[in-house]
Structure formats: structure tokens, C-alpha cells
Amino acid sequence: MPYALFSNDAKLSKAYPTEADVWKIAQKSGLVVDVVSEDDKEHPHPVLDQDYEIKPCQLEPHEDPARNKADADREAQTELQLAS
């Protein structure tokens, strides 16, 4: 089942094969923050900022989650090469 990033039930991202793939996209976009809980102050954990959430989604016509992931991975690799 594909996943995407949502805000108030509006789909904001392309569909990706796994929830973990969407977390990577959200992190890269600056939508993930580290939160410290009272019970575990030494180990902050990542959460989505504001009203964002990752949920299963319906595919748009002709949308391919595997291709979306490959495109995102290729873009990230290109950015790493440019930064070097």
C-alpha cells in the first residue's frame, strides 16, 4: 500500500512505496522535528511538524510509487554530489 504526506486530509506529496520513504522526504523538506518527552529526556524522537501526517493513500492515475522513490533517491544523490 502506498503512502503520502498529508495536511488536514490534503495530499501534499507524491505516493511512495513505504511510510519510511515518506519520512525521508519529510525530513529533507524540514517537516520533521525532534521532540523530548518527560519520560525520556535524553533521547529525543522525530515527529512531524504541525498538522502533517503520513497515511496510506490512493494513487493518482499513472502514478508509480517505485518510480517516485527512485526519482527522489536520484535527486538526493545529485544534491550530495553537488555539495561535495
C-alpha atoms as a PDB file:
ATOM      1  CA  MET A   1       0.000   0.000   0.000  1.00  0.00           C
ATOM      2  CA  PRO A   2       1.484   3.386  -0.964  1.00  0.00           C
ATOM      3  CA  TYR A   3       1.901   6.279   1.485  1.00  0.00           C
ATOM      4  CA  ALA A   4       1.997  10.065   1.167  1.00  0.00           C
ATOM      5  CA  LEU A   5       2.332  13.193   3.289  1.00  0.00           C
ATOM      6  CA  PHE A   6      -0.936  14.894   4.240  1.00  0.00           C
ATOM      7  CA  SER A   7      -2.049  18.059   5.998  1.00  0.00           C
ATOM      8  CA  ASN A   8      -5.687  18.333   7.046  1.00  0.00           C
ATOM      9  CA  ASP A   9      -6.577  15.422   4.725  1.00  0.00           C
ATOM     10  CA  ALA A  10      -4.999  17.164   1.715  1.00  0.00           C
ATOM     11  CA  LYS A  11      -2.360  15.057  -0.035  1.00  0.00           C
ATOM     12  CA  LEU A  12       0.857  17.103  -0.240  1.00  0.00           C
ATOM     13  CA  SER A  13       3.360  14.663  -1.682  1.00  0.00           C
ATOM     14  CA  LYS A  14       3.666  12.046  -4.337  1.00  0.00           C
ATOM     15  CA  ALA A  15       2.924   8.465  -3.304  1.00  0.00           C
ATOM     16  CA  TYR A  16       5.864   6.337  -2.121  1.00  0.00           C
ATOM     17  CA  PRO A  17       6.114   2.577  -1.551  1.00  0.00           C
ATOM     18  CA  THR A  18       6.586   2.737   2.229  1.00  0.00           C
ATOM     19  CA  GLU A  19       5.918   5.001   5.171  1.00  0.00           C
ATOM     20  CA  ALA A  20       9.695   5.179   5.762  1.00  0.00           C
ATOM     21  CA  ASP A  21      10.160   6.655   2.282  1.00  0.00           C
ATOM     22  CA  VAL A  22       7.753   9.470   3.130  1.00  0.00           C
ATOM     23  CA  TRP A  23       9.561  10.118   6.430  1.00  0.00           C
ATOM     24  CA  LYS A  24      12.778  10.642   4.421  1.00  0.00           C
ATOM     25  CA  ILE A  25      11.047  13.137   2.123  1.00  0.00           C
ATOM     26  CA  ALA A  26       9.501  14.962   5.099  1.00  0.00           C
ATOM     27  CA  GLN A  27      12.894  15.103   6.856  1.00  0.00           C
ATOM     28  CA  LYS A  28      14.561  16.503   3.744  1.00  0.00           C
ATOM     29  CA  SER A  29      11.788  19.104   3.455  1.00  0.00           C
ATOM     30  CA  GLY A  30      12.304  20.282   7.035  1.00  0.00           C
ATOM     31  CA  LEU A  31       8.955  18.968   8.283  1.00  0.00           C
ATOM     32  CA  VAL A  32      10.397  16.689  10.978  1.00  0.00           C
ATOM     33  CA  VAL A  33      11.359  17.993  14.400  1.00  0.00           C
ATOM     34  CA  ASP A  34      12.946  16.249  17.375  1.00  0.00           C
ATOM     35  CA  VAL A  35      10.796  16.169  20.484  1.00  0.00           C
ATOM     36  CA  VAL A  36      11.869  15.385  24.017  1.00  0.00           C
ATOM     37  CA  SER A  37       9.358  13.743  26.316  1.00  0.00           C
ATOM     38  CA  GLU A  38       9.304  13.999  30.092  1.00  0.00           C
ATOM     39  CA  ASP A  39       9.886  10.255  30.364  1.00  0.00           C
ATOM     40  CA  ASP A  40      12.869  10.153  28.029  1.00  0.00           C
ATOM     41  CA  LYS A  41      14.702  13.496  28.091  1.00  0.00           C
ATOM     42  CA  GLU A  42      17.981  12.012  26.873  1.00  0.00           C
ATOM     43  CA  HIS A  43      16.582  10.531  23.667  1.00  0.00           C
ATOM     44  CA  PRO A  44      14.588  12.945  21.503  1.00  0.00           C
ATOM     45  CA  HIS A  45      12.404  11.301  18.884  1.00  0.00           C
ATOM     46  CA  PRO A  46      11.355  12.620  15.477  1.00  0.00           C
ATOM     47  CA  VAL A  47       7.783  13.778  14.881  1.00  0.00           C
ATOM     48  CA  LEU A  48       6.108  15.591  12.024  1.00  0.00           C
ATOM     49  CA  ASP A  49       5.778  19.343  12.474  1.00  0.00           C
ATOM     50  CA  GLN A  50       2.356  20.983  12.886  1.00  0.00           C
ATOM     51  CA  ASP A  51      -0.614  19.237  11.276  1.00  0.00           C
ATOM     52  CA  TYR A  52       1.351  16.969   8.951  1.00  0.00           C
ATOM     53  CA  GLU A  53       0.805  13.219   8.910  1.00  0.00           C
ATOM     54  CA  ILE A  54       1.823  10.237   6.852  1.00  0.00           C
ATOM     55  CA  LYS A  55      -1.024   7.992   5.750  1.00  0.00           C
ATOM     56  CA  PRO A  56      -1.849   5.339   3.202  1.00  0.00           C
ATOM     57  CA  CYS A  57      -3.139   6.910   0.004  1.00  0.00           C
ATOM     58  CA  GLN A  58      -4.845   6.269  -3.272  1.00  0.00           C
ATOM     59  CA  LEU A  59      -2.662   6.515  -6.349  1.00  0.00           C
ATOM     60  CA  GLU A  60      -3.220   9.226  -8.895  1.00  0.00           C
ATOM     61  CA  PRO A  61      -3.761   7.962 -12.455  1.00  0.00           C
ATOM     62  CA  HIS A  62      -0.429   6.800 -13.929  1.00  0.00           C
ATOM     63  CA  GLU A  63       1.393   7.348 -10.617  1.00  0.00           C
ATOM     64  CA  ASP A  64       4.129   4.843  -9.771  1.00  0.00           C
ATOM     65  CA  PRO A  65       5.363   4.876  -6.132  1.00  0.00           C
ATOM     66  CA  ALA A  66       8.531   2.933  -7.021  1.00  0.00           C
ATOM     67  CA  ARG A  67       9.394   5.472  -9.740  1.00  0.00           C
ATOM     68  CA  ASN A  68       8.697   8.352  -7.307  1.00  0.00           C
ATOM     69  CA  LYS A  69      11.121   6.776  -4.814  1.00  0.00           C
ATOM     70  CA  ALA A  70      13.784   6.222  -7.481  1.00  0.00           C
ATOM     71  CA  ASP A  71      13.426   9.851  -8.629  1.00  0.00           C
ATOM     72  CA  ALA A  72      13.758  11.114  -5.038  1.00  0.00           C
ATOM     73  CA  ASP A  73      16.812   8.909  -4.423  1.00  0.00           C
ATOM     74  CA  ARG A  74      18.424  10.103  -7.655  1.00  0.00           C
ATOM     75  CA  GLU A  75      17.733  13.750  -6.727  1.00  0.00           C
ATOM     76  CA  ALA A  76      19.233  13.257  -3.261  1.00  0.00           C
ATOM     77  CA  GLN A  77      22.348  11.664  -4.787  1.00  0.00           C
ATOM     78  CA  THR A  78      22.721  14.562  -7.226  1.00  0.00           C
ATOM     79  CA  GLU A  79      22.456  17.064  -4.378  1.00  0.00           C
ATOM     80  CA  LEU A  80      25.166  15.197  -2.438  1.00  0.00           C
ATOM     81  CA  GLN A  81      27.464  15.284  -5.448  1.00  0.00           C
ATOM     82  CA  LEU A  82      26.885  18.999  -5.973  1.00  0.00           C
ATOM     83  CA  ALA A  83      27.591  19.719  -2.307  1.00  0.00           C
ATOM     84  CA  SER A  84      30.951  17.920  -2.453  1.00  0.00           C
END
